[in-house]
Amino acid sequence: MSQTIILVENQPDIREINGSLLQQAGYNVISEENAVEALRRVNRDNVDLIVTEINLPEMDGNQFIKELSRLSYSPPVLVLTKDIARIATNPLIKEVLQKPFTCKQLRQLIDRAISHS
């Protein structure tokens, strides 16, 4: 069975590119443009990993991760961002990848985050 990743990215082009890359790698990808919708999906769907940006509308990535930690089941998180200094410490964060990054780097960190979950 394919593992499910929620990809949270507010920039449509980046969301589409990263989503396609992950689908080609064999993952089931649920793409959301904001953390509010992603949080609803986590509550509904069986999710193995969340890949999120920190700079998001409505609810920023740090608040999103904080909300995830309150759930009975919280999948591990991989953070993608330009601004690493804005990332709040949270045990759900398993990996951080600074933008820009290569496709290979993204796949490696996702594979590592999922294998350690």
Protein backbone atom coordinates (compact mmCIF):
# COMPACT_ATOMS: atom_id res chain seq x y z
CA MET A 1 0.00 0.00 0.00
CA SER A 2 1.24 3.47 -0.91
CA GLN A 3 2.10 5.86 1.89
CA THR A 4 0.11 9.08 2.10
CA ILE A 5 1.67 12.52 2.33
CA ILE A 6 -0.16 15.79 2.88
CA LEU A 7 1.67 18.56 1.03
CA VAL A 8 0.87 22.05 2.36
CA GLU A 9 2.12 24.83 0.09
CA ASN A 10 0.38 28.11 -0.71
CA GLN A 11 2.24 28.72 -3.99
CA PRO A 12 0.34 26.76 -6.68
CA ASP A 13 3.34 26.18 -8.97
CA ILE A 14 5.53 24.83 -6.18
CA ARG A 15 2.67 22.73 -4.83
CA GLU A 16 2.08 21.21 -8.27
CA ILE A 17 5.76 20.49 -8.95
CA ASN A 18 6.42 18.93 -5.54
CA GLY A 19 3.15 17.00 -5.67
CA SER A 20 4.03 15.54 -9.06
CA LEU A 21 7.51 14.61 -7.90
CA LEU A 22 6.13 12.76 -4.88
CA GLN A 23 3.48 10.97 -6.95
CA GLN A 24 6.17 9.83 -9.39
CA ALA A 25 8.10 8.50 -6.40
CA GLY A 26 5.10 6.32 -5.54
CA TYR A 27 3.46 8.32 -2.76
CA ASN A 28 -0.23 9.10 -2.48
CA VAL A 29 -0.25 12.91 -2.27
CA ILE A 30 -2.97 15.13 -0.84
CA SER A 31 -2.21 18.75 -1.74
CA GLU A 32 -3.59 21.63 0.30
CA GLU A 33 -2.96 25.35 -0.09
CA ASN A 34 -3.38 26.20 3.59
CA ALA A 35 -2.96 24.67 7.03
CA VAL A 36 -6.64 24.92 7.97
CA GLU A 37 -7.64 22.57 5.15
CA ALA A 38 -4.66 20.31 5.82
CA LEU A 39 -5.65 19.98 9.48
CA ARG A 40 -9.13 18.87 8.41
CA ARG A 41 -7.57 16.24 6.13
CA VAL A 42 -5.34 14.91 8.91
CA ASN A 43 -8.45 14.41 11.03
CA ARG A 44 -10.18 12.51 8.18
CA ASP A 45 -7.46 10.59 6.38
CA ASN A 46 -4.77 8.12 7.32
CA VAL A 47 -1.60 10.17 6.81
CA ASP A 48 2.01 8.98 7.05
CA LEU A 49 3.81 12.32 6.69
CA ILE A 50 3.09 16.03 6.41
CA VAL A 51 5.28 18.23 4.23
CA THR A 52 4.63 21.88 4.98
CA GLU A 53 5.86 25.40 4.40
CA ILE A 54 6.08 27.72 7.43
CA ASN A 55 4.90 30.87 5.65
CA LEU A 56 1.23 30.04 5.05
CA PRO A 57 -1.98 32.11 4.96
CA GLU A 58 -4.74 31.76 7.57
CA MET A 59 -2.61 29.68 9.96
CA ASP A 60 1.18 29.69 9.71
CA GLY A 61 3.14 26.45 9.67
CA ASN A 62 4.26 26.74 13.30
CA GLN A 63 0.68 27.07 14.53
CA PHE A 64 -0.32 24.20 12.24
CA ILE A 65 2.34 21.93 13.74
CA LYS A 66 1.29 22.99 17.24
CA GLU A 67 -2.32 22.04 16.40
CA LEU A 68 -1.13 18.70 15.01
CA SER A 69 0.61 17.91 18.29
CA ARG A 70 -2.76 18.15 20.07
CA LEU A 71 -4.27 15.33 18.01
CA SER A 72 -4.43 11.76 19.27
CA TYR A 73 -2.36 10.73 16.23
CA SER A 74 0.14 13.19 14.81
CA PRO A 75 2.11 12.21 11.72
CA PRO A 76 5.74 13.33 11.47
CA VAL A 77 6.45 16.63 9.73
CA LEU A 78 8.98 17.74 7.13
CA VAL A 79 9.31 21.53 6.90
CA LEU A 80 10.23 23.23 3.62
CA THR A 81 11.08 26.93 3.95
CA LYS A 82 13.41 29.74 2.97
CA ASP A 83 13.39 31.14 6.50
CA ILE A 84 14.72 28.46 8.85
CA ALA A 85 14.98 30.99 11.69
CA ARG A 86 11.15 31.16 11.82
CA ILE A 87 10.72 27.47 12.63
CA ALA A 88 9.56 26.87 16.19
CA THR A 89 10.91 23.82 17.99
CA ASN A 90 8.46 20.93 17.95
CA PRO A 91 9.09 17.19 18.35
CA LEU A 92 6.84 16.42 15.36
CA ILE A 93 9.38 18.07 13.04
CA LYS A 94 11.59 15.23 11.81
CA GLU A 95 13.35 17.03 8.96
CA VAL A 96 13.88 20.59 7.69
CA LEU A 97 14.80 21.45 4.11
CA GLN A 98 15.78 24.97 3.17
CA LYS A 99 14.52 26.37 -0.14
CA PRO A 100 15.75 26.19 -2.80
CA PHE A 101 16.40 22.45 -2.84
CA THR A 102 16.78 19.71 -5.41
CA CYS A 103 14.26 16.98 -6.17
CA LYS A 104 16.78 14.45 -4.94
CA GLN A 105 17.14 16.22 -1.59
CA LEU A 106 13.37 16.32 -1.13
CA ARG A 107 12.95 12.63 -1.88
CA GLN A 108 15.82 11.65 0.41
CA LEU A 109 14.42 13.59 3.36
CA ILE A 110 10.90 12.29 2.80
CA ASP A 111 12.15 8.70 2.63
CA ARG A 112 14.17 9.26 5.82
CA ALA A 113 11.28 10.96 7.68
CA ILE A 114 8.86 8.18 6.78
CA SER A 115 11.30 5.40 7.64
CA HIS A 116 11.85 6.89 11.12
CA SER A 117 8.17 7.36 11.88
